Amino acid sequence: MGKSDKELAVELVIAQIQATSVIKHAGHVLKSETVTNLITTYYNALHSLDDN
């Protein structure tokens, strides 16, 4: 069974957070609002691909 758009969006955000943590200096914290916005953006993008 394939992953849902929500699952894929969360996985993409986790990957982005991990990549960001490697690039940024220690002590940099992503705000929860930023994470929520990333999940929403990725979810909407994936959902729109399903519609096409």
C-alpha atoms as a PDB file:
ATOM      1  CA  MET A   1       0.000   0.000   0.000  1.00  0.00           C
ATOM      2  CA  GLY A   2       1.357   3.422  -0.971  1.00  0.00           C
ATOM      3  CA  LYS A   3       1.905   6.215   1.464  1.00  0.00           C
ATOM      4  CA  SER A   4      -0.660   8.968   1.808  1.00  0.00           C
ATOM      5  CA  ASP A   5       0.077  12.574   0.898  1.00  0.00           C
ATOM      6  CA  LYS A   6       0.188  13.412   4.612  1.00  0.00           C
ATOM      7  CA  GLU A   7       2.771  10.698   5.301  1.00  0.00           C
ATOM      8  CA  LEU A   8       4.918  11.817   2.375  1.00  0.00           C
ATOM      9  CA  ALA A   9       4.664  15.473   3.405  1.00  0.00           C
ATOM     10  CA  VAL A  10       5.792  14.668   6.948  1.00  0.00           C
ATOM     11  CA  GLU A  11       8.702  12.572   5.641  1.00  0.00           C
ATOM     12  CA  LEU A  12       9.791  15.424   3.362  1.00  0.00           C
ATOM     13  CA  VAL A  13       9.689  17.903   6.233  1.00  0.00           C
ATOM     14  CA  ILE A  14      11.687  15.555   8.466  1.00  0.00           C
ATOM     15  CA  ALA A  15      14.301  15.208   5.720  1.00  0.00           C
ATOM     16  CA  GLN A  16      14.420  18.985   5.298  1.00  0.00           C
ATOM     17  CA  ILE A  17      14.803  19.513   9.055  1.00  0.00           C
ATOM     18  CA  GLN A  18      17.638  16.976   9.149  1.00  0.00           C
ATOM     19  CA  ALA A  19      19.374  18.672   6.216  1.00  0.00           C
ATOM     20  CA  THR A  20      18.887  22.081   7.808  1.00  0.00           C
ATOM     21  CA  SER A  21      20.370  20.884  11.096  1.00  0.00           C
ATOM     22  CA  VAL A  22      23.516  19.787   9.275  1.00  0.00           C
ATOM     23  CA  ILE A  23      23.861  23.154   7.534  1.00  0.00           C
ATOM     24  CA  LYS A  24      22.908  25.516  10.376  1.00  0.00           C
ATOM     25  CA  HIS A  25      24.994  26.378  13.386  1.00  0.00           C
ATOM     26  CA  ALA A  26      24.344  24.597  16.663  1.00  0.00           C
ATOM     27  CA  GLY A  27      21.596  26.178  18.722  1.00  0.00           C
ATOM     28  CA  HIS A  28      19.358  27.104  15.789  1.00  0.00           C
ATOM     29  CA  VAL A  29      15.807  25.985  16.485  1.00  0.00           C
ATOM     30  CA  LEU A  30      12.964  25.714  13.975  1.00  0.00           C
ATOM     31  CA  LYS A  31       9.749  27.215  15.293  1.00  0.00           C
ATOM     32  CA  SER A  32       6.711  24.947  15.378  1.00  0.00           C
ATOM     33  CA  GLU A  33       4.931  27.384  13.055  1.00  0.00           C
ATOM     34  CA  THR A  34       7.689  26.881  10.476  1.00  0.00           C
ATOM     35  CA  VAL A  35       7.353  23.103  10.674  1.00  0.00           C
ATOM     36  CA  THR A  36       3.575  23.352  10.353  1.00  0.00           C
ATOM     37  CA  ASN A  37       3.909  25.614   7.314  1.00  0.00           C
ATOM     38  CA  LEU A  38       6.366  23.205   5.685  1.00  0.00           C
ATOM     39  CA  ILE A  39       4.043  20.241   6.226  1.00  0.00           C
ATOM     40  CA  THR A  40       1.097  22.193   4.808  1.00  0.00           C
ATOM     41  CA  THR A  41       3.098  23.322   1.775  1.00  0.00           C
ATOM     42  CA  TYR A  42       4.354  19.832   0.962  1.00  0.00           C
ATOM     43  CA  TYR A  43       0.943  18.287   1.577  1.00  0.00           C
ATOM     44  CA  ASN A  44      -0.774  20.755  -0.742  1.00  0.00           C
ATOM     45  CA  ALA A  45       1.847  20.202  -3.441  1.00  0.00           C
ATOM     46  CA  LEU A  46       1.511  16.420  -3.234  1.00  0.00           C
ATOM     47  CA  HIS A  47      -2.279  16.626  -3.141  1.00  0.00           C
ATOM     48  CA  SER A  48      -2.329  18.795  -6.263  1.00  0.00           C
ATOM     49  CA  LEU A  49      -0.212  16.198  -8.078  1.00  0.00           C
ATOM     50  CA  ASP A  50      -2.858  13.568  -7.272  1.00  0.00           C
ATOM     51  CA  ASP A  51      -5.520  15.796  -8.827  1.00  0.00           C
ATOM     52  CA  ASN A  52      -3.616  16.021 -12.118  1.00  0.00           C
END
